PDB file of N, CA and C in Angstrom:
ATOM      1  N   UNK A   1      12.547  -2.018  12.287  1.00  0.00           N
ATOM      2  CA  UNK A   1      13.024  -3.008  11.594  1.00  0.00           C
ATOM      3  C   UNK A   1      12.996  -4.628  11.925  1.00  0.00           C
ATOM      4  N   UNK A   2      12.381  -5.099  11.130  1.00  0.00           N
ATOM      5  CA  UNK A   2      11.814  -6.248  11.224  1.00  0.00           C
ATOM      6  C   UNK A   2      13.540  -7.228  10.834  1.00  0.00           C
ATOM      7  N   UNK A   3      14.085  -8.617  11.636  1.00  0.00           N
ATOM      8  CA  UNK A   3      14.929  -9.629  10.819  1.00  0.00           C
ATOM      9  C   UNK A   3      14.361 -10.925  10.732  1.00  0.00           C
ATOM     10  N   UNK A   4      14.290 -11.128  10.011  1.00  0.00           N
ATOM     11  CA  UNK A   4      13.864 -12.672   9.989  1.00  0.00           C
ATOM     12  C   UNK A   4      14.908 -13.839   9.545  1.00  0.00           C
ATOM     13  N   UNK A   5      15.149 -14.802  10.548  1.00  0.00           N
ATOM     14  CA  UNK A   5      16.123 -15.557  10.439  1.00  0.00           C
ATOM     15  C   UNK A   5      15.696 -17.036   9.936  1.00  0.00           C
ATOM     16  N   UNK A   6      16.098 -17.188   8.520  1.00  0.00           N
ATOM     17  CA  UNK A   6      15.950 -18.126   8.017  1.00  0.00           C
ATOM     18  C   UNK A   6      16.723 -19.445   7.245  1.00  0.00           C
ATOM     19  N   UNK A   7      16.528 -20.318   7.504  1.00  0.00           N
ATOM     20  CA  UNK A   7      16.973 -21.929   6.574  1.00  0.00           C
ATOM     21  C   UNK A   7      17.787 -22.298   8.189  1.00  0.00           C
ATOM     22  N   UNK A   8      17.031 -21.981   9.667  1.00  0.00           N
ATOM     23  CA  UNK A   8      17.531 -22.395  10.779  1.00  0.00           C
ATOM     24  C   UNK A   8      16.876 -23.819  10.405  1.00  0.00           C
ATOM     25  N   UNK A   9      18.358 -24.452  11.304  1.00  0.00           N
ATOM     26  CA  UNK A   9      18.018 -25.986  11.552  1.00  0.00           C
ATOM     27  C   UNK A   9      18.070 -26.019  13.193  1.00  0.00           C
ATOM     28  N   UNK A  10      16.628 -26.508  13.778  1.00  0.00           N
ATOM     29  CA  UNK A  10      16.633 -26.268  15.255  1.00  0.00           C
ATOM     30  C   UNK A  10      17.496 -27.874  15.663  1.00  0.00           C
ATOM     31  N   UNK A  11      17.658 -29.016  14.397  1.00  0.00           N
ATOM     32  CA  UNK A  11      18.154 -29.984  15.804  1.00  0.00           C
ATOM     33  C   UNK A  11      20.003 -29.674  15.066  1.00  0.00           C
ATOM     34  N   UNK A  12      20.541 -28.910  14.696  1.00  0.00           N
ATOM     35  CA  UNK A  12      21.395 -28.566  14.472  1.00  0.00           C
ATOM     36  C   UNK A  12      21.827 -27.082  15.400  1.00  0.00           C
ATOM     37  N   UNK A  13      22.079 -26.791  16.580  1.00  0.00           N
ATOM     38  CA  UNK A  13      22.292 -25.082  17.216  1.00  0.00           C
ATOM     39  C   UNK A  13      23.877 -25.103  16.580  1.00  0.00           C
ATOM     40  N   UNK A  14      24.459 -25.775  16.224  1.00  0.00           N
ATOM     41  CA  UNK A  14      25.592 -25.289  15.287  1.00  0.00           C
ATOM     42  C   UNK A  14      25.848 -24.663  14.349  1.00  0.00           C
ATOM     43  N   UNK A  15      24.472 -25.132  13.665  1.00  0.00           N
ATOM     44  CA  UNK A  15      24.999 -24.632  12.259  1.00  0.00           C
ATOM     45  C   UNK A  15      25.282 -23.299  11.650  1.00  0.00           C
ATOM     46  N   UNK A  16      25.708 -22.555  12.833  1.00  0.00           N
ATOM     47  CA  UNK A  16      25.764 -21.050  11.885  1.00  0.00           C
ATOM     48  C   UNK A  16      27.617 -21.108  12.255  1.00  0.00           C
ATOM     49  N   UNK A  17      28.161 -22.036  13.489  1.00  0.00           N
ATOM     50  CA  UNK A  17      29.363 -22.060  13.247  1.00  0.00           C
ATOM     51  C   UNK A  17      30.220 -23.164  12.446  1.00  0.00           C
ATOM     52  N   UNK A  18      29.093 -23.942  12.059  1.00  0.00           N
ATOM     53  CA  UNK A  18      29.938 -24.977  10.709  1.00  0.00           C
ATOM     54  C   UNK A  18      29.517 -24.252   9.911  1.00  0.00           C
ATOM     55  N   UNK A  19      28.358 -23.783   9.273  1.00  0.00           N
ATOM     56  CA  UNK A  19      28.431 -22.926   7.978  1.00  0.00           C
ATOM     57  C   UNK A  19      29.229 -21.811   7.903  1.00  0.00           C
ATOM     58  N   UNK A  20      29.060 -20.847   8.494  1.00  0.00           N
ATOM     59  CA  UNK A  20      29.593 -19.637   8.542  1.00  0.00           C
ATOM     60  C   UNK A  20      31.397 -19.510   8.792  1.00  0.00           C
ATOM     61  N   UNK A  21      31.283 -19.538  10.059  1.00  0.00           N
ATOM     62  CA  UNK A  21      32.527 -19.217  10.689  1.00  0.00           C
ATOM     63  C   UNK A  21      33.766 -20.453  10.363  1.00  0.00           C
ATOM     64  N   UNK A  22      33.711 -21.679   9.623  1.00  0.00           N
ATOM     65  CA  UNK A  22      34.849 -22.231   9.506  1.00  0.00           C
ATOM     66  C   UNK A  22      34.471 -22.175   8.262  1.00  0.00           C
ATOM     67  N   UNK A  23      33.712 -22.402   7.223  1.00  0.00           N
ATOM     68  CA  UNK A  23      33.691 -22.242   5.845  1.00  0.00           C
ATOM     69  C   UNK A  23      33.114 -21.623   4.548  1.00  0.00           C
ATOM     70  N   UNK A  24      33.095 -19.881   5.161  1.00  0.00           N
ATOM     71  CA  UNK A  24      32.599 -19.106   4.616  1.00  0.00           C
ATOM     72  C   UNK A  24      33.933 -18.577   3.560  1.00  0.00           C
ATOM     73  N   UNK A  25      34.449 -18.085   4.404  1.00  0.00           N
ATOM     74  CA  UNK A  25      35.528 -17.208   3.919  1.00  0.00           C
ATOM     75  C   UNK A  25      35.351 -15.672   4.202  1.00  0.00           C
ATOM     76  N   UNK A  26      34.218 -15.263   5.281  1.00  0.00           N
ATOM     77  CA  UNK A  26      33.904 -14.309   5.226  1.00  0.00           C
ATOM     78  C   UNK A  26      35.012 -13.175   6.846  1.00  0.00           C
ATOM     79  N   UNK A  27      35.261 -12.383   6.483  1.00  0.00           N
ATOM     80  CA  UNK A  27      35.632 -11.318   7.666  1.00  0.00           C
ATOM     81  C   UNK A  27      35.371 -11.442   8.887  1.00  0.00           C
ATOM     82  N   UNK A  28      36.119 -11.246   9.496  1.00  0.00           N
ATOM     83  CA  UNK A  28      35.611 -11.180  10.928  1.00  0.00           C
ATOM     84  C   UNK A  28      35.301  -9.878  11.687  1.00  0.00           C
ATOM     85  N   UNK A  29      34.793  -9.200  10.726  1.00  0.00           N
ATOM     86  CA  UNK A  29      33.737  -8.280  11.060  1.00  0.00           C
ATOM     87  C   UNK A  29      32.177  -8.262  11.060  1.00  0.00           C
ATOM     88  N   UNK A  30      32.209  -9.760  10.114  1.00  0.00           N
ATOM     89  CA  UNK A  30      31.349  -9.775   8.995  1.00  0.00           C
ATOM     90  C   UNK A  30      30.679 -11.043   9.588  1.00  0.00           C
ATOM     91  N   UNK A  31      31.642 -11.866  10.615  1.00  0.00           N
ATOM     92  CA  UNK A  31      31.644 -12.625  10.719  1.00  0.00           C
ATOM     93  C   UNK A  31      30.179 -12.354  12.601  1.00  0.00           C
ATOM     94  N   UNK A  32      31.028 -11.289  12.808  1.00  0.00           N
ATOM     95  CA  UNK A  32      30.519 -10.616  14.241  1.00  0.00           C
ATOM     96  C   UNK A  32      29.519 -10.282  13.941  1.00  0.00           C
ATOM     97  N   UNK A  33      29.016  -9.638  12.923  1.00  0.00           N
ATOM     98  CA  UNK A  33      27.706  -8.859  12.456  1.00  0.00           C
ATOM     99  C   UNK A  33      26.618  -9.875  12.425  1.00  0.00           C
ATOM    100  N   UNK A  34      26.903 -10.908  11.692  1.00  0.00           N
ATOM    101  CA  UNK A  34      26.113 -12.721  11.363  1.00  0.00           C
ATOM    102  C   UNK A  34      25.641 -12.797  12.629  1.00  0.00           C
ATOM    103  N   UNK A  35      26.691 -12.812  13.573  1.00  0.00           N
ATOM    104  CA  UNK A  35      26.547 -13.826  14.759  1.00  0.00           C
ATOM    105  C   UNK A  35      25.702 -12.627  15.918  1.00  0.00           C
ATOM    106  N   UNK A  36      25.658 -10.723  15.257  1.00  0.00           N
ATOM    107  CA  UNK A  36      24.830 -10.339  16.269  1.00  0.00           C
ATOM    108  C   UNK A  36      23.342 -10.636  15.604  1.00  0.00           C
ATOM    109  N   UNK A  37      23.582 -10.552  14.523  1.00  0.00           N
ATOM    110  CA  UNK A  37      21.957 -10.859  13.701  1.00  0.00           C
ATOM    111  C   UNK A  37      21.247 -12.280  13.762  1.00  0.00           C
ATOM    112  N   UNK A  38      21.802 -13.120  14.222  1.00  0.00           N
ATOM    113  CA  UNK A  38      21.050 -14.292  14.584  1.00  0.00           C
ATOM    114  C   UNK A  38      20.795 -14.893  16.106  1.00  0.00           C
ATOM    115  N   UNK A  39      21.640 -12.775  16.865  1.00  0.00           N
ATOM    116  CA  UNK A  39      21.062 -13.819  18.299  1.00  0.00           C
ATOM    117  C   UNK A  39      19.627 -13.177  18.601  1.00  0.00           C
ATOM    118  N   UNK A  40      19.106 -14.179  19.404  1.00  0.00           N
ATOM    119  CA  UNK A  40      17.659 -14.497  19.567  1.00  0.00           C
ATOM    120  C   UNK A  40      17.176 -13.292  21.009  1.00  0.00           C
ATOM    121  N   UNK A  41      17.964 -13.061  21.539  1.00  0.00           N
ATOM    122  CA  UNK A  41      17.485 -12.570  22.757  1.00  0.00           C
ATOM    123  C   UNK A  41      17.307 -11.208  22.432  1.00  0.00           C
ATOM    124  N   UNK A  42      17.652 -10.264  21.764  1.00  0.00           N
ATOM    125  CA  UNK A  42      17.998  -8.906  21.343  1.00  0.00           C
ATOM    126  C   UNK A  42      16.489  -8.621  19.721  1.00  0.00           C
ATOM    127  N   UNK A  43      16.362  -7.615  19.836  1.00  0.00           N
ATOM    128  CA  UNK A  43      15.430  -7.435  18.965  1.00  0.00           C
ATOM    129  C   UNK A  43      16.499  -5.837  18.661  1.00  0.00           C
ATOM    130  N   UNK A  44      16.502  -5.261  17.466  1.00  0.00           N
ATOM    131  CA  UNK A  44      16.695  -4.012  17.085  1.00  0.00           C
ATOM    132  C   UNK A  44      15.446  -3.409  16.146  1.00  0.00           C
ATOM    133  N   UNK A  45      15.872  -2.172  16.661  1.00  0.00           N
ATOM    134  CA  UNK A  45      14.463  -1.400  15.999  1.00  0.00           C
ATOM    135  C   UNK A  45      15.115  -0.411  14.668  1.00  0.00           C
ATOM    136  N   UNK A  46      16.285  -0.455  14.541  1.00  0.00           N
ATOM    137  CA  UNK A  46      16.871  -0.347  13.335  1.00  0.00           C
ATOM    138  C   UNK A  46      18.613  -0.248  13.437  1.00  0.00           C
ATOM    139  N   UNK A  47      19.268   0.099  12.095  1.00  0.00           N
ATOM    140  CA  UNK A  47      20.409   0.058  11.472  1.00  0.00           C
ATOM    141  C   UNK A  47      21.280   0.521  13.117  1.00  0.00           C
ATOM    142  N   UNK A  48      20.939   1.089  13.440  1.00  0.00           N
ATOM    143  CA  UNK A  48      21.924   1.890  14.396  1.00  0.00           C
ATOM    144  C   UNK A  48      22.136   1.483  15.547  1.00  0.00           C
ATOM    145  N   UNK A  49      21.138   0.759  15.919  1.00  0.00           N
ATOM    146  CA  UNK A  49      21.469  -0.111  17.052  1.00  0.00           C
ATOM    147  C   UNK A  49      21.854  -1.398  16.763  1.00  0.00           C
ATOM    148  N   UNK A  50      21.694  -1.479  15.763  1.00  0.00           N
ATOM    149  CA  UNK A  50      22.830  -2.956  15.218  1.00  0.00           C
ATOM    150  C   UNK A  50      24.265  -2.328  15.096  1.00  0.00           C
ATOM    151  N   UNK A  51      24.097  -1.417  14.900  1.00  0.00           N
ATOM    152  CA  UNK A  51      25.881  -0.979  14.544  1.00  0.00           C
ATOM    153  C   UNK A  51      26.668  -0.648  15.797  1.00  0.00           C
ATOM    154  N   UNK A  52      25.527  -0.451  17.389  1.00  0.00           N
ATOM    155  CA  UNK A  52      25.947   0.111  18.260  1.00  0.00           C
ATOM    156  C   UNK A  52      26.222  -1.168  19.183  1.00  0.00           C
ATOM    157  N   UNK A  53      25.416  -2.418  18.482  1.00  0.00           N
ATOM    158  CA  UNK A  53      25.754  -3.704  20.036  1.00  0.00           C
ATOM    159  C   UNK A  53      26.832  -4.285  18.909  1.00  0.00           C
ATOM    160  N   UNK A  54      26.776  -4.162  17.593  1.00  0.00           N
ATOM    161  CA  UNK A  54      28.643  -5.131  17.076  1.00  0.00           C
ATOM    162  C   UNK A  54      30.088  -3.643  16.893  1.00  0.00           C
ATOM    163  N   UNK A  55      29.479  -2.152  17.897  1.00  0.00           N
ATOM    164  CA  UNK A  55      30.167  -1.383  18.688  1.00  0.00           C
ATOM    165  C   UNK A  55      31.430  -1.693  17.111  1.00  0.00           C
ATOM    166  N   UNK A  56      30.969  -1.304  16.215  1.00  0.00           N
ATOM    167  CA  UNK A  56      31.368  -0.798  14.637  1.00  0.00           C
ATOM    168  C   UNK A  56      31.246   0.769  14.550  1.00  0.00           C
ATOM    169  N   UNK A  57      32.243   0.755  13.833  1.00  0.00           N
ATOM    170  CA  UNK A  57      32.245   2.590  13.228  1.00  0.00           C
ATOM    171  C   UNK A  57      31.062   2.207  11.741  1.00  0.00           C
ATOM    172  N   UNK A  58      30.565   3.698  11.491  1.00  0.00           N
ATOM    173  CA  UNK A  58      29.528   3.133  10.254  1.00  0.00           C
ATOM    174  C   UNK A  58      30.384   2.682   8.978  1.00  0.00           C
ATOM    175  N   UNK A  59      31.386   2.852   8.284  1.00  0.00           N
ATOM    176  CA  UNK A  59      32.421   2.349   7.527  1.00  0.00           C
ATOM    177  C   UNK A  59      32.815   0.994   7.805  1.00  0.00           C
ATOM    178  N   UNK A  60      33.199   0.423   9.238  1.00  0.00           N
ATOM    179  CA  UNK A  60      33.060  -0.718   8.891  1.00  0.00           C
ATOM    180  C   UNK A  60      31.989  -1.340   9.014  1.00  0.00           C
ATOM    181  N   UNK A  61      31.070  -0.786   9.605  1.00  0.00           N
ATOM    182  CA  UNK A  61      30.355  -1.851   9.306  1.00  0.00           C
ATOM    183  C   UNK A  61      29.082  -1.825   8.445  1.00  0.00           C
ATOM    184  N   UNK A  62      29.064  -0.308   7.503  1.00  0.00           N
ATOM    185  CA  UNK A  62      28.710  -0.565   6.083  1.00  0.00           C
ATOM    186  C   UNK A  62      29.100  -1.860   5.430  1.00  0.00           C
ATOM    187  N   UNK A  63      30.489  -1.710   4.862  1.00  0.00           N
ATOM    188  CA  UNK A  63      31.500  -2.992   5.036  1.00  0.00           C
ATOM    189  C   UNK A  63      30.910  -4.500   4.803  1.00  0.00           C
ATOM    190  N   UNK A  64      31.279  -4.537   6.517  1.00  0.00           N
ATOM    191  CA  UNK A  64      30.477  -6.051   6.900  1.00  0.00           C
ATOM    192  C   UNK A  64      29.328  -6.497   6.350  1.00  0.00           C
ATOM    193  N   UNK A  65      28.040  -5.337   6.181  1.00  0.00           N
ATOM    194  CA  UNK A  65      26.741  -5.690   6.103  1.00  0.00           C
ATOM    195  C   UNK A  65      26.863  -6.093   4.659  1.00  0.00           C
ATOM    196  N   UNK A  66      27.771  -5.522   3.866  1.00  0.00           N
ATOM    197  CA  UNK A  66      27.832  -5.916   2.596  1.00  0.00           C
ATOM    198  C   UNK A  66      28.268  -6.884   2.181  1.00  0.00           C
ATOM    199  N   UNK A  67      29.256  -7.239   3.299  1.00  0.00           N
ATOM    200  CA  UNK A  67      29.380  -8.551   2.472  1.00  0.00           C
ATOM    201  C   UNK A  67      29.043  -9.138   2.625  1.00  0.00           C
ATOM    202  N   UNK A  68      28.316  -9.312   3.883  1.00  0.00           N
ATOM    203  CA  UNK A  68      27.047 -10.582   4.176  1.00  0.00           C
ATOM    204  C   UNK A  68      26.100 -10.554   3.024  1.00  0.00           C
ATOM    205  N   UNK A  69      25.785  -9.369   2.340  1.00  0.00           N
ATOM    206  CA  UNK A  69      25.018  -9.541   1.693  1.00  0.00           C
ATOM    207  C   UNK A  69      25.300 -10.267  -0.301  1.00  0.00           C
ATOM    208  N   UNK A  70      26.767  -9.551  -0.101  1.00  0.00           N
ATOM    209  CA  UNK A  70      27.240 -10.286  -1.128  1.00  0.00           C
ATOM    210  C   UNK A  70      27.422 -11.491  -1.220  1.00  0.00           C
ATOM    211  N   UNK A  71      27.861 -12.228  -0.086  1.00  0.00           N
ATOM    212  CA  UNK A  71      28.015 -14.237  -0.080  1.00  0.00           C
ATOM    213  C   UNK A  71      26.412 -14.589   0.202  1.00  0.00           C
ATOM    214  N   UNK A  72      25.637 -13.689   0.747  1.00  0.00           N
ATOM    215  CA  UNK A  72      24.344 -14.414   0.392  1.00  0.00           C
ATOM    216  C   UNK A  72      23.325 -14.745   2.003  1.00  0.00           C
ATOM    217  N   UNK A  73      24.452 -14.137   2.872  1.00  0.00           N
ATOM    218  CA  UNK A  73      23.612 -14.074   4.348  1.00  0.00           C
ATOM    219  C   UNK A  73      23.031 -13.774   4.497  1.00  0.00           C
ATOM    220  N   UNK A  74      22.355 -11.965   3.776  1.00  0.00           N
ATOM    221  CA  UNK A  74      21.878 -11.166   4.581  1.00  0.00           C
ATOM    222  C   UNK A  74      21.090 -10.839   3.190  1.00  0.00           C
ATOM    223  N   UNK A  75      19.694 -10.554   3.084  1.00  0.00           N
ATOM    224  CA  UNK A  75      19.133  -9.433   2.342  1.00  0.00           C
ATOM    225  C   UNK A  75      18.432  -8.622   2.794  1.00  0.00           C
ATOM    226  N   UNK A  76      18.141  -7.682   2.638  1.00  0.00           N
ATOM    227  CA  UNK A  76      17.376  -6.667   2.801  1.00  0.00           C
ATOM    228  C   UNK A  76      16.743  -5.903   2.115  1.00  0.00           C
ATOM    229  N   UNK A  77      15.681  -5.885   2.472  1.00  0.00           N
ATOM    230  CA  UNK A  77      14.347  -5.332   1.902  1.00  0.00           C
ATOM    231  C   UNK A  77      13.701  -4.505   2.503  1.00  0.00           C
ATOM    232  N   UNK A  78      13.543  -3.403   1.014  1.00  0.00           N
ATOM    233  CA  UNK A  78      13.525  -1.939   1.544  1.00  0.00           C
ATOM    234  C   UNK A  78      11.979  -2.025   1.237  1.00  0.00           C
ATOM    235  N   UNK A  79      10.572  -1.419   2.088  1.00  0.00           N
ATOM    236  CA  UNK A  79       9.705  -0.848   1.540  1.00  0.00           C
ATOM    237  C   UNK A  79       8.967   0.123   1.891  1.00  0.00           C
ATOM    238  N   UNK A  80       8.191   0.686   1.207  1.00  0.00           N
ATOM    239  CA  UNK A  80       7.288   2.127   1.702  1.00  0.00           C
ATOM    240  C   UNK A  80       5.851   1.899   1.609  1.00  0.00           C
ATOM    241  N   UNK A  81       5.131   1.849   2.976  1.00  0.00           N
ATOM    242  CA  UNK A  81       4.098   1.843   3.580  1.00  0.00           C
ATOM    243  C   UNK A  81       3.308   3.559   4.009  1.00  0.00           C
ATOM    244  N   UNK A  82       1.957   4.145   3.426  1.00  0.00           N
ATOM    245  CA  UNK A  82       1.738   5.374   3.891  1.00  0.00           C
ATOM    246  C   UNK A  82       3.209   6.103   4.177  1.00  0.00           C
ATOM    247  N   UNK A  83       3.760   6.185   3.150  1.00  0.00           N
ATOM    248  CA  UNK A  83       4.693   7.722   3.402  1.00  0.00           C
ATOM    249  C   UNK A  83       5.838   7.129   4.336  1.00  0.00           C
ATOM    250  N   UNK A  84       6.335   5.474   4.896  1.00  0.00           N
ATOM    251  CA  UNK A  84       6.872   5.014   5.823  1.00  0.00           C
ATOM    252  C   UNK A  84       7.644   4.071   5.299  1.00  0.00           C
ATOM    253  N   UNK A  85       8.905   4.559   5.853  1.00  0.00           N
ATOM    254  CA  UNK A  85      10.026   3.628   4.993  1.00  0.00           C
ATOM    255  C   UNK A  85       9.929   2.196   6.285  1.00  0.00           C
ATOM    256  N   UNK A  86       9.902   0.915   5.815  1.00  0.00           N
ATOM    257  CA  UNK A  86      10.331  -0.019   6.214  1.00  0.00           C
ATOM    258  C   UNK A  86      11.297  -0.842   5.919  1.00  0.00           C
ATOM    259  N   UNK A  87      12.413  -1.600   6.876  1.00  0.00           N
ATOM    260  CA  UNK A  87      13.311  -2.585   6.567  1.00  0.00           C
ATOM    261  C   UNK A  87      12.929  -4.133   6.394  1.00  0.00           C
ATOM    262  N   UNK A  88      13.326  -4.533   6.398  1.00  0.00           N
ATOM    263  CA  UNK A  88      13.427  -5.852   6.237  1.00  0.00           C
ATOM    264  C   UNK A  88      14.587  -6.664   6.335  1.00  0.00           C
ATOM    265  N   UNK A  89      15.535  -7.408   7.210  1.00  0.00           N
ATOM    266  CA  UNK A  89      16.943  -8.114   7.289  1.00  0.00           C
ATOM    267  C   UNK A  89      16.421  -9.510   7.142  1.00  0.00           C
ATOM    268  N   UNK A  90      16.868  -9.990   6.266  1.00  0.00           N
ATOM    269  CA  UNK A  90      16.522 -11.858   6.177  1.00  0.00           C
ATOM    270  C   UNK A  90      17.820 -12.337   6.439  1.00  0.00           C
ATOM    271  N   UNK A  91      18.050 -12.978   7.581  1.00  0.00           N
ATOM    272  CA  UNK A  91      19.032 -13.993   7.858  1.00  0.00           C
ATOM    273  C   UNK A  91      19.526 -15.197   7.331  1.00  0.00           C
ATOM    274  N   UNK A  92      20.106 -15.639   6.434  1.00  0.00           N
ATOM    275  CA  UNK A  92      20.121 -17.012   6.077  1.00  0.00           C
ATOM    276  C   UNK A  92      20.970 -18.221   6.848  1.00  0.00           C
ATOM    277  N   UNK A  93      21.169 -18.208   7.597  1.00  0.00           N
ATOM    278  CA  UNK A  93      21.834 -19.320   9.027  1.00  0.00           C
ATOM    279  C   UNK A  93      23.029 -19.789   7.802  1.00  0.00           C
ATOM    280  N   UNK A  94      22.060 -20.375   7.066  1.00  0.00           N
ATOM    281  CA  UNK A  94      23.641 -21.466   6.357  1.00  0.00           C
ATOM    282  C   UNK A  94      23.094 -21.323   4.809  1.00  0.00           C
ATOM    283  N   UNK A  95      24.119 -21.539   3.798  1.00  0.00           N
ATOM    284  CA  UNK A  95      23.838 -21.136   2.494  1.00  0.00           C
ATOM    285  C   UNK A  95      23.766 -22.564   1.761  1.00  0.00           C
ATOM    286  N   UNK A  96      22.829 -22.815   1.265  1.00  0.00           N
ATOM    287  CA  UNK A  96      22.962 -24.598   0.119  1.00  0.00           C
ATOM    288  C   UNK A  96      23.767 -24.566  -0.616  1.00  0.00           C
ATOM    289  N   UNK A  97      24.951 -24.655  -0.451  1.00  0.00           N
ATOM    290  CA  UNK A  97      25.767 -24.291  -1.769  1.00  0.00           C
ATOM    291  C   UNK A  97      26.194 -25.635  -2.279  1.00  0.00           C
TER     292      UNK A  97
END
């Protein structure tokens, strides 16, 4: 699973805090998932590893993931190459609202 981080502002290290935590209206589980996905010190090979990193149960994790997708912070592309399935998660650090 590949996670791409887009709309990253290197000059403002608190972009996520300013845009997501204070202005988004996201639930705490969704904010926790967003912060986990934006961590640069961790790579995830599949969704199960992301779920374990957040200490969330399956239903809570799925709800948080869907909330991020509906809000526009997360896009998941599913592709198939040579019989293998691949997921690419695109994380928008800020929304250009």
